[in-house]
Amino acid sequence: MKMKMKMKMKTYQILFFLFLAIFLLGRYPCYASIEKEKTLAMIKPDGLLGNYTDKIKKVILESGFSILREMKVQLDEANVTLLYAEHSSRSFFHSLIKYMTSGPVFLMVLEKENAISDWRAMIGPTDARKAKITHPKSIRAMCGLDSERNCVHGSDSPQSAVREISFFFGEMPLTGQFLFPVSIHMPEETGMEYDNDT
């Protein structure tokens, strides 16, 4: 009799936990299945010299990004030539090399859902003069001067993000979890609105 009672209790316990698990999974969907994307964000020499780094990082965190890795580096001509190889035949290429080697840059690996397009929307149009008119709340409107000295860079595609992140930080998957974040996401609302025309 005691054996039957014990088995009945075990069965009720198993059913209770099974019911509880089904209830909780239905009520609280598993957010771990949402793929987060990574992108490279760079604060260019004029952004560092203008002391915009802290303001830009605050906007990044307030907009729901996590900063997984960051570092300050001085680029040389070889680095810039490799990084901007797709522009090597353009008339502004030598000016770009001179500008990008004029001081240190601050590099960050950002992560969130739709990180690439969201970061591109936040930074605004390439020409900071246009950004000041059409996207006055964008980062380039805040700290950029023109189409060359536009304060920040962002990967324009998943392929570019992988290439640029690997260039500076080594191999790092574009999606998924990174084990050692340097900053924690701050969930406050910023009230910032951006159009994505870049």
N, C-alpha and C. Protein backbone atom coordinates (compact mmCIF):
# COMPACT_ATOMS: atom_id res chain seq x y z
N MET A 1 0.81 -1.19 0.00
CA MET A 1 0.00 0.00 0.00
C MET A 1 0.86 1.26 0.00
N LYS A 2 1.90 1.25 0.85
CA LYS A 2 2.79 2.40 0.91
C LYS A 2 3.51 2.60 -0.42
N MET A 3 3.84 1.50 -1.08
CA MET A 3 4.54 1.57 -2.36
C MET A 3 3.65 2.23 -3.41
N LYS A 4 2.37 1.87 -3.44
CA LYS A 4 1.44 2.46 -4.38
C LYS A 4 1.27 3.95 -4.10
N MET A 5 1.22 4.32 -2.84
CA MET A 5 1.06 5.70 -2.43
C MET A 5 2.28 6.53 -2.87
N LYS A 6 3.48 5.97 -2.69
CA LYS A 6 4.71 6.66 -3.09
C LYS A 6 4.74 6.87 -4.61
N MET A 7 4.35 5.81 -5.35
CA MET A 7 4.35 5.92 -6.80
C MET A 7 3.33 6.96 -7.27
N LYS A 8 2.19 6.99 -6.60
CA LYS A 8 1.15 7.95 -6.94
C LYS A 8 1.66 9.37 -6.68
N MET A 9 2.35 9.59 -5.57
CA MET A 9 2.91 10.91 -5.23
C MET A 9 3.97 11.31 -6.26
N LYS A 10 4.84 10.38 -6.64
CA LYS A 10 5.87 10.65 -7.64
C LYS A 10 5.22 11.05 -8.96
N THR A 11 4.17 10.32 -9.34
CA THR A 11 3.47 10.63 -10.58
C THR A 11 2.88 12.03 -10.52
N TYR A 12 2.26 12.39 -9.39
CA TYR A 12 1.70 13.74 -9.23
C TYR A 12 2.80 14.81 -9.28
N GLN A 13 3.93 14.52 -8.68
CA GLN A 13 5.04 15.47 -8.70
C GLN A 13 5.55 15.69 -10.13
N ILE A 14 5.70 14.59 -10.85
CA ILE A 14 6.17 14.70 -12.22
C ILE A 14 5.17 15.47 -13.06
N LEU A 15 3.90 15.16 -12.92
CA LEU A 15 2.85 15.87 -13.66
C LEU A 15 2.82 17.35 -13.29
N PHE A 16 2.99 17.64 -12.00
CA PHE A 16 2.99 19.03 -11.55
C PHE A 16 4.14 19.81 -12.21
N PHE A 17 5.35 19.25 -12.18
CA PHE A 17 6.49 19.93 -12.76
C PHE A 17 6.38 20.03 -14.28
N LEU A 18 5.82 19.01 -14.91
CA LEU A 18 5.60 19.05 -16.34
C LEU A 18 4.59 20.15 -16.69
N PHE A 19 3.50 20.23 -15.96
CA PHE A 19 2.50 21.27 -16.16
C PHE A 19 3.11 22.66 -15.93
N LEU A 20 3.88 22.79 -14.88
CA LEU A 20 4.52 24.06 -14.56
C LEU A 20 5.48 24.48 -15.68
N ALA A 21 6.26 23.54 -16.19
CA ALA A 21 7.20 23.85 -17.27
C ALA A 21 6.46 24.28 -18.53
N ILE A 22 5.40 23.57 -18.88
CA ILE A 22 4.61 23.93 -20.07
C ILE A 22 3.98 25.31 -19.88
N PHE A 23 3.44 25.58 -18.71
CA PHE A 23 2.82 26.87 -18.40
C PHE A 23 3.84 28.01 -18.52
N LEU A 24 5.01 27.84 -17.93
CA LEU A 24 6.02 28.90 -17.95
C LEU A 24 6.59 29.12 -19.34
N LEU A 25 6.82 28.05 -20.09
CA LEU A 25 7.34 28.21 -21.44
C LEU A 25 6.32 28.90 -22.35
N GLY A 26 5.06 28.63 -22.16
CA GLY A 26 4.03 29.30 -22.95
C GLY A 26 3.87 30.75 -22.56
N ARG A 27 4.03 31.03 -21.28
CA ARG A 27 3.83 32.39 -20.77
C ARG A 27 5.05 33.28 -21.00
N TYR A 28 6.24 32.71 -20.90
CA TYR A 28 7.48 33.45 -21.07
C TYR A 28 8.29 32.81 -22.18
N PRO A 29 8.15 33.31 -23.42
CA PRO A 29 8.87 32.70 -24.52
C PRO A 29 10.38 32.76 -24.31
N CYS A 30 11.05 31.84 -24.91
CA CYS A 30 12.50 31.75 -24.76
C CYS A 30 13.18 32.82 -25.61
N TYR A 31 13.68 33.86 -24.97
CA TYR A 31 14.33 34.94 -25.68
C TYR A 31 15.72 34.57 -26.16
N ALA A 32 16.28 33.51 -25.67
CA ALA A 32 17.61 33.09 -26.08
C ALA A 32 17.65 32.70 -27.55
N SER A 33 16.49 32.41 -28.13
CA SER A 33 16.47 32.00 -29.52
C SER A 33 16.56 33.20 -30.48
N ILE A 34 16.46 34.42 -29.98
CA ILE A 34 16.57 35.60 -30.83
C ILE A 34 18.04 35.76 -31.20
N GLU A 35 18.31 35.79 -32.48
CA GLU A 35 19.69 35.93 -32.96
C GLU A 35 20.11 37.38 -32.82
N LYS A 36 21.19 37.59 -32.12
CA LYS A 36 21.78 38.92 -32.03
C LYS A 36 22.86 39.02 -33.09
N GLU A 37 23.04 40.22 -33.59
CA GLU A 37 23.98 40.47 -34.67
C GLU A 37 25.10 41.36 -34.13
N LYS A 38 26.28 41.24 -34.70
CA LYS A 38 27.41 42.07 -34.30
C LYS A 38 27.78 43.01 -35.43
N THR A 39 28.30 44.16 -35.07
CA THR A 39 28.80 45.11 -36.06
C THR A 39 30.00 45.83 -35.48
N LEU A 40 30.83 46.37 -36.36
CA LEU A 40 31.96 47.16 -35.91
C LEU A 40 31.54 48.62 -35.88
N ALA A 41 31.86 49.29 -34.79
CA ALA A 41 31.67 50.74 -34.68
C ALA A 41 33.04 51.34 -34.43
N MET A 42 33.33 52.41 -35.16
CA MET A 42 34.61 53.09 -34.99
C MET A 42 34.36 54.58 -34.76
N ILE A 43 34.99 55.11 -33.73
CA ILE A 43 35.02 56.55 -33.54
C ILE A 43 36.33 57.01 -34.14
N LYS A 44 36.24 57.84 -35.16
CA LYS A 44 37.41 58.25 -35.94
C LYS A 44 38.22 59.32 -35.18
N PRO A 45 39.39 59.69 -35.71
CA PRO A 45 40.25 60.63 -34.99
C PRO A 45 39.56 61.93 -34.55
N ASP A 46 38.72 62.51 -35.39
CA ASP A 46 38.06 63.76 -35.00
C ASP A 46 37.09 63.55 -33.84
N GLY A 47 36.49 62.37 -33.76
CA GLY A 47 35.60 62.06 -32.64
C GLY A 47 36.35 61.93 -31.33
N LEU A 48 37.54 61.32 -31.38
CA LEU A 48 38.36 61.22 -30.17
C LEU A 48 38.92 62.57 -29.77
N LEU A 49 39.43 63.32 -30.75
CA LEU A 49 40.02 64.63 -30.45
C LEU A 49 38.97 65.60 -29.92
N GLY A 50 37.73 65.44 -30.39
CA GLY A 50 36.64 66.30 -29.93
C GLY A 50 35.99 65.84 -28.63
N ASN A 51 36.56 64.80 -28.03
CA ASN A 51 36.04 64.26 -26.76
C ASN A 51 34.58 63.81 -26.85
N TYR A 52 34.24 63.13 -27.93
CA TYR A 52 32.87 62.63 -28.11
C TYR A 52 32.70 61.17 -27.69
N THR A 53 33.77 60.49 -27.31
CA THR A 53 33.72 59.06 -27.03
C THR A 53 32.67 58.71 -25.98
N ASP A 54 32.68 59.39 -24.85
CA ASP A 54 31.72 59.08 -23.78
C ASP A 54 30.28 59.34 -24.21
N LYS A 55 30.05 60.43 -24.94
CA LYS A 55 28.69 60.75 -25.41
C LYS A 55 28.20 59.67 -26.38
N ILE A 56 29.09 59.25 -27.29
CA ILE A 56 28.72 58.24 -28.27
C ILE A 56 28.44 56.90 -27.58
N LYS A 57 29.30 56.51 -26.64
CA LYS A 57 29.08 55.25 -25.92
C LYS A 57 27.77 55.29 -25.13
N LYS A 58 27.44 56.43 -24.56
CA LYS A 58 26.18 56.56 -23.81
C LYS A 58 24.98 56.35 -24.74
N VAL A 59 25.02 56.97 -25.92
CA VAL A 59 23.93 56.81 -26.89
C VAL A 59 23.83 55.35 -27.34
N ILE A 60 24.98 54.71 -27.55
CA ILE A 60 25.01 53.30 -27.96
C ILE A 60 24.31 52.43 -26.92
N LEU A 61 24.70 52.58 -25.67
CA LEU A 61 24.13 51.75 -24.60
C LEU A 61 22.65 52.06 -24.36
N GLU A 62 22.29 53.32 -24.43
CA GLU A 62 20.89 53.71 -24.23
C GLU A 62 19.99 53.23 -25.36
N SER A 63 20.60 52.92 -26.51
CA SER A 63 19.83 52.45 -27.66
C SER A 63 19.73 50.93 -27.71
N GLY A 64 20.15 50.25 -26.64
CA GLY A 64 19.96 48.81 -26.55
C GLY A 64 21.10 47.96 -27.04
N PHE A 65 22.21 48.56 -27.42
CA PHE A 65 23.38 47.79 -27.84
C PHE A 65 24.17 47.32 -26.62
N SER A 66 24.86 46.23 -26.78
CA SER A 66 25.88 45.80 -25.83
C SER A 66 27.22 46.04 -26.51
N ILE A 67 28.19 46.51 -25.75
CA ILE A 67 29.55 46.68 -26.27
C ILE A 67 30.33 45.45 -25.79
N LEU A 68 30.67 44.58 -26.75
CA LEU A 68 31.33 43.33 -26.40
C LEU A 68 32.84 43.47 -26.26
N ARG A 69 33.43 44.26 -27.11
CA ARG A 69 34.88 44.49 -27.09
C ARG A 69 35.12 45.94 -27.44
N GLU A 70 36.19 46.51 -26.94
CA GLU A 70 36.56 47.87 -27.31
C GLU A 70 38.06 48.05 -27.16
N MET A 71 38.61 48.94 -27.99
CA MET A 71 40.03 49.26 -27.86
C MET A 71 40.33 50.54 -28.63
N LYS A 72 41.35 51.21 -28.19
CA LYS A 72 41.83 52.43 -28.83
C LYS A 72 43.13 52.07 -29.53
N VAL A 73 43.24 52.41 -30.82
CA VAL A 73 44.44 52.09 -31.58
C VAL A 73 44.84 53.25 -32.49
N GLN A 74 46.09 53.28 -32.83
CA GLN A 74 46.61 54.22 -33.83
C GLN A 74 46.81 53.42 -35.11
N LEU A 75 46.05 53.77 -36.15
CA LEU A 75 46.18 53.07 -37.42
C LEU A 75 47.37 53.61 -38.20
N ASP A 76 48.01 52.73 -38.95
CA ASP A 76 49.06 53.18 -39.86
C ASP A 76 48.53 53.09 -41.29
N GLU A 77 49.34 53.55 -42.24
CA GLU A 77 48.90 53.59 -43.64
C GLU A 77 48.52 52.21 -44.16
N ALA A 78 49.28 51.19 -43.78
CA ALA A 78 48.99 49.82 -44.24
C ALA A 78 47.63 49.35 -43.73
N ASN A 79 47.32 49.62 -42.45
CA ASN A 79 46.02 49.24 -41.89
C ASN A 79 44.88 49.92 -42.63
N VAL A 80 45.01 51.22 -42.84
CA VAL A 80 43.95 52.00 -43.50
C VAL A 80 43.77 51.53 -44.94
N THR A 81 44.87 51.26 -45.63
CA THR A 81 44.79 50.79 -47.01
C THR A 81 44.05 49.46 -47.08
N LEU A 82 44.32 48.55 -46.16
CA LEU A 82 43.60 47.27 -46.13
C LEU A 82 42.13 47.46 -45.75
N LEU A 83 41.88 48.26 -44.73
CA LEU A 83 40.52 48.46 -44.24
C LEU A 83 39.61 49.09 -45.29
N TYR A 84 40.13 50.07 -46.01
CA TYR A 84 39.34 50.80 -47.00
C TYR A 84 39.73 50.44 -48.43
N ALA A 85 40.14 49.20 -48.65
CA ALA A 85 40.60 48.75 -49.97
C ALA A 85 39.57 49.02 -51.08
N GLU A 86 38.29 48.94 -50.76
CA GLU A 86 37.26 49.14 -51.79
C GLU A 86 37.24 50.58 -52.30
N HIS A 87 37.88 51.51 -51.58
CA HIS A 87 37.93 52.91 -52.01
C HIS A 87 39.27 53.28 -52.66
N SER A 88 40.15 52.32 -52.86
CA SER A 88 41.52 52.61 -53.31
C SER A 88 41.58 53.33 -54.66
N SER A 89 40.61 53.16 -55.51
CA SER A 89 40.64 53.82 -56.82
C SER A 89 39.91 55.18 -56.80
N ARG A 90 39.36 55.55 -55.67
CA ARG A 90 38.61 56.81 -55.57
C ARG A 90 39.56 57.99 -55.38
N SER A 91 39.14 59.15 -55.83
CA SER A 91 40.00 60.34 -55.77
C SER A 91 40.32 60.77 -54.34
N PHE A 92 39.47 60.46 -53.39
CA PHE A 92 39.67 60.89 -52.01
C PHE A 92 40.51 59.92 -51.17
N PHE A 93 41.00 58.83 -51.78
CA PHE A 93 41.66 57.78 -51.02
C PHE A 93 42.89 58.27 -50.24
N HIS A 94 43.75 59.06 -50.86
CA HIS A 94 44.96 59.53 -50.17
C HIS A 94 44.60 60.47 -49.02
N SER A 95 43.58 61.27 -49.23
CA SER A 95 43.10 62.15 -48.16
C SER A 95 42.52 61.33 -47.01
N LEU A 96 41.82 60.25 -47.34
CA LEU A 96 41.26 59.36 -46.33
C LEU A 96 42.36 58.72 -45.49
N ILE A 97 43.42 58.27 -46.14
CA ILE A 97 44.56 57.67 -45.42
C ILE A 97 45.16 58.70 -44.46
N LYS A 98 45.37 59.91 -44.93
CA LYS A 98 45.96 60.96 -44.10
C LYS A 98 45.07 61.25 -42.89
N TYR A 99 43.78 61.34 -43.13
CA TYR A 99 42.82 61.62 -42.05
C TYR A 99 42.78 60.47 -41.03
N MET A 100 42.68 59.23 -41.51
CA MET A 100 42.54 58.09 -40.61
C MET A 100 43.82 57.77 -39.83
N THR A 101 44.95 58.30 -40.27
CA THR A 101 46.20 58.10 -39.54
C THR A 101 46.59 59.35 -38.73
N SER A 102 45.72 60.36 -38.72
CA SER A 102 46.03 61.62 -38.04
C SER A 102 45.92 61.54 -36.52
N GLY A 103 45.35 60.48 -36.02
CA GLY A 103 45.20 60.29 -34.58
C GLY A 103 44.61 58.92 -34.32
N PRO A 104 44.48 58.56 -33.04
CA PRO A 104 43.93 57.24 -32.72
C PRO A 104 42.44 57.13 -33.06
N VAL A 105 41.99 55.90 -33.18
CA VAL A 105 40.56 55.60 -33.36
C VAL A 105 40.12 54.72 -32.20
N PHE A 106 38.83 54.74 -31.91
CA PHE A 106 38.27 53.92 -30.84
C PHE A 106 37.34 52.91 -31.48
N LEU A 107 37.64 51.63 -31.31
CA LEU A 107 36.91 50.54 -31.96
C LEU A 107 36.03 49.81 -30.96
N MET A 108 34.83 49.43 -31.40
CA MET A 108 33.91 48.68 -30.56
C MET A 108 33.22 47.61 -31.39
N VAL A 109 32.98 46.46 -30.78
CA VAL A 109 32.11 45.45 -31.37
C VAL A 109 30.77 45.61 -30.65
N LEU A 110 29.75 45.99 -31.41
CA LEU A 110 28.41 46.18 -30.86
C LEU A 110 27.56 44.97 -31.16
N GLU A 111 26.61 44.68 -30.27
CA GLU A 111 25.72 43.55 -30.48
C GLU A 111 24.31 43.91 -30.07
N LYS A 112 23.37 43.51 -30.88
CA LYS A 112 21.93 43.53 -30.59
C LYS A 112 21.23 42.94 -31.80
N GLU A 113 19.96 42.75 -31.71
CA GLU A 113 19.19 42.31 -32.85
C GLU A 113 19.22 43.45 -33.88
N ASN A 114 19.48 43.15 -35.14
CA ASN A 114 19.58 44.14 -36.23
C ASN A 114 20.66 45.19 -35.97
N ALA A 115 21.77 44.78 -35.39
CA ALA A 115 22.83 45.72 -35.00
C ALA A 115 23.36 46.53 -36.18
N ILE A 116 23.55 45.91 -37.33
CA ILE A 116 24.16 46.60 -38.46
C ILE A 116 23.27 47.74 -38.94
N SER A 117 22.02 47.44 -39.23
CA SER A 117 21.13 48.48 -39.74
C SER A 117 20.79 49.52 -38.66
N ASP A 118 20.66 49.09 -37.42
CA ASP A 118 20.35 50.06 -36.35
C ASP A 118 21.52 51.01 -36.11
N TRP A 119 22.75 50.50 -36.14
CA TRP A 119 23.92 51.37 -35.96
C TRP A 119 24.05 52.33 -37.14
N ARG A 120 23.85 51.83 -38.35
CA ARG A 120 23.92 52.71 -39.53
C ARG A 120 22.86 53.81 -39.46
N ALA A 121 21.67 53.47 -38.97
CA ALA A 121 20.63 54.49 -38.82
C ALA A 121 21.02 55.52 -37.76
N MET A 122 21.62 55.07 -36.69
CA MET A 122 22.02 55.98 -35.61
C MET A 122 23.11 56.95 -36.04
N ILE A 123 24.05 56.49 -36.87
CA ILE A 123 25.15 57.38 -37.24
C ILE A 123 24.73 58.40 -38.28
N GLY A 124 23.72 58.09 -39.08
CA GLY A 124 23.22 59.06 -40.05
C GLY A 124 23.97 59.02 -41.37
N PRO A 125 23.63 59.94 -42.27
CA PRO A 125 24.25 59.99 -43.60
C PRO A 125 25.76 60.19 -43.52
N THR A 126 26.47 59.72 -44.55
CA THR A 126 27.93 59.84 -44.60
C THR A 126 28.39 61.29 -44.50
N ASP A 127 27.72 62.19 -45.18
CA ASP A 127 28.08 63.61 -45.14
C ASP A 127 27.45 64.24 -43.89
N ALA A 128 28.30 64.61 -42.96
CA ALA A 128 27.81 65.18 -41.69
C ALA A 128 27.05 66.48 -41.91
N ARG A 129 27.38 67.23 -42.98
CA ARG A 129 26.64 68.47 -43.28
C ARG A 129 25.18 68.12 -43.59
N LYS A 130 24.97 67.06 -44.37
CA LYS A 130 23.61 66.60 -44.69
C LYS A 130 22.93 66.07 -43.43
N ALA A 131 23.69 65.34 -42.61
CA ALA A 131 23.13 64.76 -41.38
C ALA A 131 22.58 65.85 -40.46
N LYS A 132 23.27 66.99 -40.38
CA LYS A 132 22.82 68.08 -39.51
C LYS A 132 21.46 68.62 -39.94
N ILE A 133 21.12 68.47 -41.23
CA ILE A 133 19.84 68.96 -41.75
C ILE A 133 18.78 67.85 -41.72
N THR A 134 19.13 66.68 -42.27
CA THR A 134 18.13 65.62 -42.44
C THR A 134 18.01 64.67 -41.25
N HIS A 135 19.07 64.56 -40.45
CA HIS A 135 19.10 63.64 -39.30
C HIS A 135 19.75 64.35 -38.11
N PRO A 136 19.14 65.41 -37.61
CA PRO A 136 19.79 66.24 -36.59
C PRO A 136 20.10 65.53 -35.27
N LYS A 137 19.48 64.39 -35.02
CA LYS A 137 19.76 63.64 -33.79
C LYS A 137 20.77 62.52 -33.99
N SER A 138 21.31 62.42 -35.20
CA SER A 138 22.28 61.36 -35.50
C SER A 138 23.64 61.69 -34.89
N ILE A 139 24.48 60.67 -34.80
CA ILE A 139 25.82 60.85 -34.23
C ILE A 139 26.66 61.74 -35.13
N ARG A 140 26.56 61.57 -36.44
CA ARG A 140 27.34 62.42 -37.35
C ARG A 140 26.89 63.88 -37.29
N ALA A 141 25.62 64.12 -37.05
CA ALA A 141 25.16 65.49 -36.86
C ALA A 141 25.75 66.08 -35.59
N MET A 142 25.90 65.24 -34.56
CA MET A 142 26.43 65.69 -33.28
C MET A 142 27.92 66.06 -33.38
N CYS A 143 28.71 65.26 -34.09
CA CYS A 143 30.15 65.46 -34.00
C CYS A 143 30.89 65.48 -35.32
N GLY A 144 30.24 65.25 -36.45
CA GLY A 144 30.93 65.24 -37.73
C GLY A 144 31.02 66.63 -38.36
N LEU A 145 31.93 66.77 -39.32
CA LEU A 145 32.11 68.05 -40.00
C LEU A 145 31.68 68.01 -41.46
N ASP A 146 32.04 66.94 -42.18
CA ASP A 146 31.74 66.84 -43.60
C ASP A 146 31.71 65.36 -44.00
N SER A 147 31.86 65.07 -45.29
CA SER A 147 31.77 63.67 -45.72
C SER A 147 33.02 62.86 -45.38
N GLU A 148 34.16 63.53 -45.18
CA GLU A 148 35.37 62.80 -44.79
C GLU A 148 35.51 62.78 -43.27
N ARG A 149 35.43 63.91 -42.66
CA ARG A 149 35.55 64.03 -41.20
C ARG A 149 34.14 63.90 -40.60
N ASN A 150 33.67 62.66 -40.65
CA ASN A 150 32.28 62.41 -40.22
C ASN A 150 32.18 61.66 -38.90
N CYS A 151 33.27 61.59 -38.17
CA CYS A 151 33.32 61.17 -36.77
C CYS A 151 33.23 59.67 -36.52
N VAL A 152 32.40 58.95 -37.25
CA VAL A 152 32.19 57.53 -36.94
C VAL A 152 32.10 56.68 -38.20
N HIS A 153 32.31 55.40 -38.01
CA HIS A 153 32.19 54.41 -39.08
C HIS A 153 31.33 53.27 -38.58
N GLY A 154 30.58 52.66 -39.49
CA GLY A 154 29.82 51.46 -39.16
C GLY A 154 29.83 50.50 -40.33
N SER A 155 29.91 49.22 -40.04
CA SER A 155 29.85 48.20 -41.08
C SER A 155 28.55 48.36 -41.86
N ASP A 156 28.62 48.17 -43.19
CA ASP A 156 27.43 48.37 -44.02
C ASP A 156 26.71 47.09 -44.41
N SER A 157 27.26 45.93 -44.02
CA SER A 157 26.63 44.65 -44.37
C SER A 157 27.17 43.58 -43.43
N PRO A 158 26.50 42.44 -43.36
CA PRO A 158 27.02 41.34 -42.54
C PRO A 158 28.43 40.91 -42.97
N GLN A 159 28.69 40.90 -44.28
CA GLN A 159 30.00 40.50 -44.77
C GLN A 159 31.07 41.51 -44.32
N SER A 160 30.76 42.81 -44.42
CA SER A 160 31.69 43.84 -43.96
C SER A 160 31.92 43.74 -42.47
N ALA A 161 30.86 43.47 -41.71
CA ALA A 161 30.99 43.35 -40.26
C ALA A 161 31.96 42.22 -39.89
N VAL A 162 31.81 41.07 -40.53
CA VAL A 162 32.70 39.94 -40.25
C VAL A 162 34.14 40.31 -40.60
N ARG A 163 34.33 40.90 -41.77
CA ARG A 163 35.68 41.27 -42.22
C ARG A 163 36.31 42.31 -41.29
N GLU A 164 35.55 43.34 -40.94
CA GLU A 164 36.10 44.43 -40.12
C GLU A 164 36.34 44.00 -38.67
N ILE A 165 35.43 43.23 -38.11
CA ILE A 165 35.63 42.73 -36.74
C ILE A 165 36.85 41.81 -36.69
N SER A 166 36.96 40.93 -37.68
CA SER A 166 38.11 40.02 -37.74
C SER A 166 39.41 40.80 -37.93
N PHE A 167 39.37 41.85 -38.72
CA PHE A 167 40.55 42.67 -38.99
C PHE A 167 41.13 43.22 -37.68
N PHE A 168 40.26 43.70 -36.79
CA PHE A 168 40.74 44.32 -35.56
C PHE A 168 40.76 43.39 -34.35
N PHE A 169 39.81 42.48 -34.26
CA PHE A 169 39.65 41.68 -33.04
C PHE A 169 39.88 40.19 -33.24
N GLY A 170 40.22 39.75 -34.43
CA GLY A 170 40.37 38.33 -34.69
C GLY A 170 39.03 37.69 -34.99
N GLU A 171 39.00 36.39 -35.08
CA GLU A 171 37.78 35.66 -35.41
C GLU A 171 36.73 35.84 -34.33
N MET A 172 35.52 36.17 -34.76
CA MET A 172 34.41 36.36 -33.84
C MET A 172 33.14 36.12 -34.64
N PRO A 173 32.27 35.20 -34.23
CA PRO A 173 31.06 34.93 -35.01
C PRO A 173 30.16 36.15 -35.08
N LEU A 174 29.47 36.33 -36.23
CA LEU A 174 28.60 37.49 -36.42
C LEU A 174 27.37 37.43 -35.53
N THR A 175 26.86 36.23 -35.28
CA THR A 175 25.68 36.10 -34.42
C THR A 175 26.00 35.17 -33.27
N GLY A 176 25.21 35.24 -32.23
CA GLY A 176 25.39 34.36 -31.08
C GLY A 176 25.93 35.10 -29.88
N GLN A 177 26.31 34.35 -28.89
CA GLN A 177 26.72 34.91 -27.60
C GLN A 177 28.24 35.03 -27.56
N PHE A 178 28.72 36.17 -27.06
CA PHE A 178 30.14 36.35 -26.82
C PHE A 178 30.34 36.23 -25.32
N LEU A 179 31.39 35.58 -24.89
CA LEU A 179 31.51 35.21 -23.50
C LEU A 179 31.98 36.30 -22.55
N PHE A 180 32.67 37.33 -23.03
CA PHE A 180 33.26 38.29 -22.12
C PHE A 180 32.89 39.73 -22.48
N PRO A 181 31.63 40.15 -22.27
CA PRO A 181 31.27 41.53 -22.60
C PRO A 181 31.99 42.52 -21.67
N VAL A 182 32.33 43.69 -22.21
CA VAL A 182 33.00 44.70 -21.38
C VAL A 182 32.00 45.70 -20.82
N SER A 183 30.80 45.74 -21.36
CA SER A 183 29.78 46.65 -20.86
C SER A 183 28.45 45.93 -20.84
N ILE A 184 27.54 46.40 -20.03
CA ILE A 184 26.23 45.78 -19.91
C ILE A 184 25.20 46.70 -20.54
N HIS A 185 24.25 46.12 -21.25
CA HIS A 185 23.16 46.86 -21.89
C HIS A 185 22.36 47.65 -20.85
N MET A 186 22.11 48.93 -21.14
CA MET A 186 21.29 49.77 -20.26
C MET A 186 19.96 49.99 -20.97
N PRO A 187 18.84 49.54 -20.39
CA PRO A 187 17.57 49.51 -21.10
C PRO A 187 16.79 50.82 -21.14
N GLU A 188 17.35 51.96 -20.74
CA GLU A 188 16.58 53.20 -20.76
C GLU A 188 16.19 53.59 -22.18
N GLU A 189 15.06 54.25 -22.32
CA GLU A 189 14.61 54.76 -23.61
C GLU A 189 15.33 56.07 -23.90
N THR A 190 15.69 56.31 -25.16
CA THR A 190 16.37 57.56 -25.50
C THR A 190 15.44 58.55 -26.16
N GLY A 191 14.35 58.09 -26.74
CA GLY A 191 13.46 58.98 -27.47
C GLY A 191 14.05 59.42 -28.80
N MET A 192 15.15 58.80 -29.23
CA MET A 192 15.80 59.20 -30.47
C MET A 192 15.14 58.48 -31.64
N GLU A 193 14.93 59.20 -32.73
CA GLU A 193 14.36 58.61 -33.92
C GLU A 193 15.31 58.83 -35.08
N TYR A 194 15.51 57.79 -35.88
CA TYR A 194 16.43 57.88 -37.01
C TYR A 194 15.80 57.23 -38.22
N ASP A 195 16.08 57.80 -39.37
CA ASP A 195 15.71 57.16 -40.63
C ASP A 195 16.93 56.43 -41.13
N ASN A 196 16.71 55.36 -41.86
CA ASN A 196 17.84 54.58 -42.36
C ASN A 196 18.00 54.82 -43.85
N ASP A 197 18.72 55.90 -44.20
CA ASP A 197 18.94 56.17 -45.63
C ASP A 197 20.38 55.96 -46.03
N THR A 198 21.17 55.33 -45.15
CA THR A 198 22.58 55.12 -45.48
C THR A 198 22.80 53.76 -46.05
